[in-house]
Amino acid sequence: MNAQRGLEIVVGAFVLAGIVALLTLTFQWSDFSGSSIRGYTLTADFDNIGGLSNRSPVKLAGVTIGRVSNIRIDPATFEAVVTMQIDNKYNNLPKDSFASIYTAGLLGAQYIEISPGGDTAVLKNGDQITMTQSAVILEKVISKFLFNKAAEK
């Protein structure tokens, strides 16, 4: 009976260690630790944001410099207005920077990539990035390809 009890304790400890490891990986993958970025706010209008969501990364040269903090529809233009919170370390983005929505990998999460321009004036808190490229919707690309192939025949 004692050997049985000892085995149950070892198995229980192993299961508990597995649950702790899973929770640790989940929190790291979800990036709950960096929940609030102290910085300045930029906005950008997009025709289509695809699967972009709040807390999606904003990147510059592949480095995360901020997060999407809000997404809303402009009632006048019916475009998506994306508000981004950018870390104060990156307060020298040129005014003519370009914002594009990309997908991480083939089916990964979407993020905003900032491509800096050459202007000497910099974006400040509350400014808008005027040059944008909307998300590429994979279904639209595939259907366009298939319709073009069908039209060739």
C-alpha atoms as a PDB file:
ATOM      1  CA  MET A   1       0.000   0.000   0.000  1.00  0.00           C
ATOM      2  CA  ASN A   2       2.900   2.367   0.765  1.00  0.00           C
ATOM      3  CA  ALA A   3       4.468   1.755  -2.651  1.00  0.00           C
ATOM      4  CA  GLN A   4       1.123   2.554  -4.286  1.00  0.00           C
ATOM      5  CA  ARG A   5       0.866   5.821  -2.322  1.00  0.00           C
ATOM      6  CA  GLY A   6       4.419   6.816  -3.301  1.00  0.00           C
ATOM      7  CA  LEU A   7       3.676   6.142  -6.968  1.00  0.00           C
ATOM      8  CA  GLU A   8       0.531   8.291  -6.798  1.00  0.00           C
ATOM      9  CA  ILE A   9       2.523  11.188  -5.295  1.00  0.00           C
ATOM     10  CA  VAL A  10       5.178  10.953  -8.042  1.00  0.00           C
ATOM     11  CA  VAL A  11       2.546  10.848 -10.782  1.00  0.00           C
ATOM     12  CA  GLY A  12       0.675  13.757  -9.188  1.00  0.00           C
ATOM     13  CA  ALA A  13       3.880  15.827  -9.007  1.00  0.00           C
ATOM     14  CA  PHE A  14       4.626  15.012 -12.656  1.00  0.00           C
ATOM     15  CA  VAL A  15       1.138  16.096 -13.759  1.00  0.00           C
ATOM     16  CA  LEU A  16       1.409  19.295 -11.699  1.00  0.00           C
ATOM     17  CA  ALA A  17       4.802  20.094 -13.265  1.00  0.00           C
ATOM     18  CA  GLY A  18       3.289  19.576 -16.723  1.00  0.00           C
ATOM     19  CA  ILE A  19       0.413  21.956 -15.979  1.00  0.00           C
ATOM     20  CA  VAL A  20       2.832  24.612 -14.675  1.00  0.00           C
ATOM     21  CA  ALA A  21       4.978  24.242 -17.809  1.00  0.00           C
ATOM     22  CA  LEU A  22       1.904  24.590 -20.057  1.00  0.00           C
ATOM     23  CA  LEU A  23       0.737  27.723 -18.222  1.00  0.00           C
ATOM     24  CA  THR A  24       4.222  29.242 -18.438  1.00  0.00           C
ATOM     25  CA  LEU A  25       4.383  28.620 -22.188  1.00  0.00           C
ATOM     26  CA  THR A  26       0.888  30.029 -22.663  1.00  0.00           C
ATOM     27  CA  PHE A  27       1.709  33.255 -20.836  1.00  0.00           C
ATOM     28  CA  GLN A  28       4.962  33.707 -22.744  1.00  0.00           C
ATOM     29  CA  TRP A  29       3.357  32.988 -26.111  1.00  0.00           C
ATOM     30  CA  SER A  30       0.424  35.318 -25.410  1.00  0.00           C
ATOM     31  CA  ASP A  31       2.782  38.091 -24.237  1.00  0.00           C
ATOM     32  CA  PHE A  32       0.655  38.985 -21.218  1.00  0.00           C
ATOM     33  CA  SER A  33       3.766  40.328 -19.509  1.00  0.00           C
ATOM     34  CA  GLY A  34       4.120  43.301 -21.867  1.00  0.00           C
ATOM     35  CA  SER A  35       0.489  44.322 -21.640  1.00  0.00           C
ATOM     36  CA  SER A  36       0.965  48.065 -21.436  1.00  0.00           C
ATOM     37  CA  ILE A  37       3.307  50.067 -23.616  1.00  0.00           C
ATOM     38  CA  ARG A  38       4.107  53.538 -22.437  1.00  0.00           C
ATOM     39  CA  GLY A  39       4.471  55.712 -25.472  1.00  0.00           C
ATOM     40  CA  TYR A  40       2.778  57.866 -28.023  1.00  0.00           C
ATOM     41  CA  THR A  41      -0.265  57.248 -30.202  1.00  0.00           C
ATOM     42  CA  LEU A  42      -0.412  57.076 -33.998  1.00  0.00           C
ATOM     43  CA  THR A  43      -3.378  56.300 -36.251  1.00  0.00           C
ATOM     44  CA  ALA A  44      -3.678  54.900 -39.755  1.00  0.00           C
ATOM     45  CA  ASP A  45      -6.668  54.262 -42.050  1.00  0.00           C
ATOM     46  CA  PHE A  46      -6.953  50.970 -43.946  1.00  0.00           C
ATOM     47  CA  ASP A  47      -9.485  49.727 -46.521  1.00  0.00           C
ATOM     48  CA  ASN A  48      -9.254  46.202 -45.090  1.00  0.00           C
ATOM     49  CA  ILE A  49      -7.465  45.049 -41.941  1.00  0.00           C
ATOM     50  CA  GLY A  50      -8.076  41.318 -42.436  1.00  0.00           C
ATOM     51  CA  GLY A  51      -7.537  39.537 -39.111  1.00  0.00           C
ATOM     52  CA  LEU A  52      -5.723  42.376 -37.357  1.00  0.00           C
ATOM     53  CA  SER A  53      -6.905  42.781 -33.769  1.00  0.00           C
ATOM     54  CA  ASN A  54      -6.250  44.742 -30.604  1.00  0.00           C
ATOM     55  CA  ARG A  55      -2.806  43.967 -29.146  1.00  0.00           C
ATOM     56  CA  SER A  56      -1.432  42.933 -32.558  1.00  0.00           C
ATOM     57  CA  PRO A  57       2.242  43.896 -32.831  1.00  0.00           C
ATOM     58  CA  VAL A  58       3.507  46.982 -34.635  1.00  0.00           C
ATOM     59  CA  LYS A  59       6.958  46.276 -36.049  1.00  0.00           C
ATOM     60  CA  LEU A  60       9.835  48.193 -37.585  1.00  0.00           C
ATOM     61  CA  ALA A  61      12.420  46.086 -39.432  1.00  0.00           C
ATOM     62  CA  GLY A  62      10.945  43.007 -37.741  1.00  0.00           C
ATOM     63  CA  VAL A  63      11.348  44.434 -34.217  1.00  0.00           C
ATOM     64  CA  THR A  64       8.194  45.010 -32.170  1.00  0.00           C
ATOM     65  CA  ILE A  65       7.981  48.737 -31.387  1.00  0.00           C
ATOM     66  CA  GLY A  66       4.358  48.924 -30.277  1.00  0.00           C
ATOM     67  CA  ARG A  67       0.891  47.413 -30.212  1.00  0.00           C
ATOM     68  CA  VAL A  68      -2.483  48.055 -31.802  1.00  0.00           C
ATOM     69  CA  SER A  69      -4.563  49.676 -29.064  1.00  0.00           C
ATOM     70  CA  ASN A  70      -7.893  50.291 -30.823  1.00  0.00           C
ATOM     71  CA  ILE A  71      -9.705  49.545 -34.076  1.00  0.00           C
ATOM     72  CA  ARG A  72     -12.842  51.358 -35.175  1.00  0.00           C
ATOM     73  CA  ILE A  73     -14.752  52.221 -38.346  1.00  0.00           C
ATOM     74  CA  ASP A  74     -14.755  55.809 -39.607  1.00  0.00           C
ATOM     75  CA  PRO A  75     -18.471  56.551 -40.206  1.00  0.00           C
ATOM     76  CA  ALA A  76     -17.683  58.989 -43.034  1.00  0.00           C
ATOM     77  CA  THR A  77     -15.256  56.878 -45.120  1.00  0.00           C
ATOM     78  CA  PHE A  78     -16.169  53.369 -43.869  1.00  0.00           C
ATOM     79  CA  GLU A  79     -12.469  52.618 -43.475  1.00  0.00           C
ATOM     80  CA  ALA A  80     -10.877  50.930 -40.490  1.00  0.00           C
ATOM     81  CA  VAL A  81      -9.069  53.412 -38.261  1.00  0.00           C
ATOM     82  CA  VAL A  82      -6.276  51.644 -36.395  1.00  0.00           C
ATOM     83  CA  THR A  83      -4.787  53.294 -33.317  1.00  0.00           C
ATOM     84  CA  MET A  84      -1.272  52.206 -32.395  1.00  0.00           C
ATOM     85  CA  GLN A  85       0.643  52.746 -29.175  1.00  0.00           C
ATOM     86  CA  ILE A  86       4.349  53.169 -30.047  1.00  0.00           C
ATOM     87  CA  ASP A  87       7.128  52.861 -27.457  1.00  0.00           C
ATOM     88  CA  ASN A  88       8.798  56.194 -26.614  1.00  0.00           C
ATOM     89  CA  LYS A  89      12.196  54.751 -27.611  1.00  0.00           C
ATOM     90  CA  TYR A  90      11.049  55.034 -31.228  1.00  0.00           C
ATOM     91  CA  ASN A  91      10.027  58.692 -31.246  1.00  0.00           C
ATOM     92  CA  ASN A  92      11.945  59.544 -34.418  1.00  0.00           C
ATOM     93  CA  LEU A  93       9.765  57.896 -37.090  1.00  0.00           C
ATOM     94  CA  PRO A  94       9.681  60.107 -40.212  1.00  0.00           C
ATOM     95  CA  LYS A  95       6.363  61.760 -41.126  1.00  0.00           C
ATOM     96  CA  ASP A  96       6.319  60.026 -44.527  1.00  0.00           C
ATOM     97  CA  SER A  97       6.512  56.512 -43.023  1.00  0.00           C
ATOM     98  CA  PHE A  98       4.423  53.768 -44.620  1.00  0.00           C
ATOM     99  CA  ALA A  99       2.200  51.315 -42.673  1.00  0.00           C
ATOM    100  CA  SER A 100       1.405  47.886 -44.137  1.00  0.00           C
ATOM    101  CA  ILE A 101      -0.497  44.923 -42.745  1.00  0.00           C
ATOM    102  CA  TYR A 102       1.378  41.641 -43.106  1.00  0.00           C
ATOM    103  CA  THR A 103       0.831  38.060 -42.012  1.00  0.00           C
ATOM    104  CA  ALA A 104       3.430  36.205 -39.937  1.00  0.00           C
ATOM    105  CA  GLY A 105       4.017  33.159 -42.090  1.00  0.00           C
ATOM    106  CA  LEU A 106       1.419  31.653 -44.394  1.00  0.00           C
ATOM    107  CA  LEU A 107      -1.425  31.358 -41.881  1.00  0.00           C
ATOM    108  CA  GLY A 108      -0.024  33.298 -38.899  1.00  0.00           C
ATOM    109  CA  ALA A 109      -1.316  36.298 -37.016  1.00  0.00           C
ATOM    110  CA  GLN A 110      -1.371  39.686 -38.687  1.00  0.00           C
ATOM    111  CA  TYR A 111       0.718  42.662 -37.665  1.00  0.00           C
ATOM    112  CA  ILE A 112       1.520  46.196 -38.835  1.00  0.00           C
ATOM    113  CA  GLU A 113       4.944  46.823 -40.366  1.00  0.00           C
ATOM    114  CA  ILE A 114       6.170  50.422 -40.400  1.00  0.00           C
ATOM    115  CA  SER A 115       8.540  51.331 -43.232  1.00  0.00           C
ATOM    116  CA  PRO A 116      10.298  54.605 -42.463  1.00  0.00           C
ATOM    117  CA  GLY A 117      10.438  57.321 -45.076  1.00  0.00           C
ATOM    118  CA  GLY A 118      13.096  59.950 -45.611  1.00  0.00           C
ATOM    119  CA  ASP A 119      11.397  63.049 -44.209  1.00  0.00           C
ATOM    120  CA  THR A 120      13.298  65.006 -41.560  1.00  0.00           C
ATOM    121  CA  ALA A 121      10.053  65.858 -39.711  1.00  0.00           C
ATOM    122  CA  VAL A 122       8.973  63.136 -37.279  1.00  0.00           C
ATOM    123  CA  LEU A 123       5.603  61.708 -36.249  1.00  0.00           C
ATOM    124  CA  LYS A 124       4.349  63.004 -32.923  1.00  0.00           C
ATOM    125  CA  ASN A 125       1.651  61.913 -30.476  1.00  0.00           C
ATOM    126  CA  GLY A 126      -1.744  61.878 -32.213  1.00  0.00           C
ATOM    127  CA  ASP A 127      -0.375  62.066 -35.775  1.00  0.00           C
ATOM    128  CA  GLN A 128      -1.725  59.960 -38.621  1.00  0.00           C
ATOM    129  CA  ILE A 129       0.230  57.762 -41.001  1.00  0.00           C
ATOM    130  CA  THR A 130      -1.325  58.645 -44.343  1.00  0.00           C
ATOM    131  CA  MET A 131       0.377  56.097 -46.592  1.00  0.00           C
ATOM    132  CA  THR A 132      -1.003  52.617 -45.900  1.00  0.00           C
ATOM    133  CA  GLN A 133      -1.347  49.229 -47.555  1.00  0.00           C
ATOM    134  CA  SER A 134      -4.256  47.032 -46.523  1.00  0.00           C
ATOM    135  CA  ALA A 135      -4.047  43.356 -45.659  1.00  0.00           C
ATOM    136  CA  VAL A 136      -3.762  40.842 -48.472  1.00  0.00           C
ATOM    137  CA  ILE A 137      -6.693  38.462 -48.129  1.00  0.00           C
ATOM    138  CA  LEU A 138      -5.533  34.972 -49.090  1.00  0.00           C
ATOM    139  CA  GLU A 139      -9.005  33.887 -50.261  1.00  0.00           C
ATOM    140  CA  LYS A 140      -9.184  36.820 -52.702  1.00  0.00           C
ATOM    141  CA  VAL A 141      -5.760  36.053 -54.149  1.00  0.00           C
ATOM    142  CA  ILE A 142      -6.619  32.373 -54.630  1.00  0.00           C
ATOM    143  CA  SER A 143      -9.999  33.106 -56.211  1.00  0.00           C
ATOM    144  CA  LYS A 144      -8.469  35.683 -58.561  1.00  0.00           C
ATOM    145  CA  PHE A 145      -5.846  33.142 -59.604  1.00  0.00           C
ATOM    146  CA  LEU A 146      -8.462  30.428 -60.167  1.00  0.00           C
ATOM    147  CA  PHE A 147     -10.781  32.753 -62.142  1.00  0.00           C
ATOM    148  CA  ASN A 148      -7.861  33.882 -64.322  1.00  0.00           C
ATOM    149  CA  LYS A 149      -6.895  30.251 -64.997  1.00  0.00           C
ATOM    150  CA  ALA A 150     -10.506  29.416 -65.856  1.00  0.00           C
ATOM    151  CA  ALA A 151     -10.728  32.403 -68.222  1.00  0.00           C
ATOM    152  CA  GLU A 152      -7.629  31.209 -70.098  1.00  0.00           C
ATOM    153  CA  LYS A 153      -9.355  27.970 -71.129  1.00  0.00           C
END
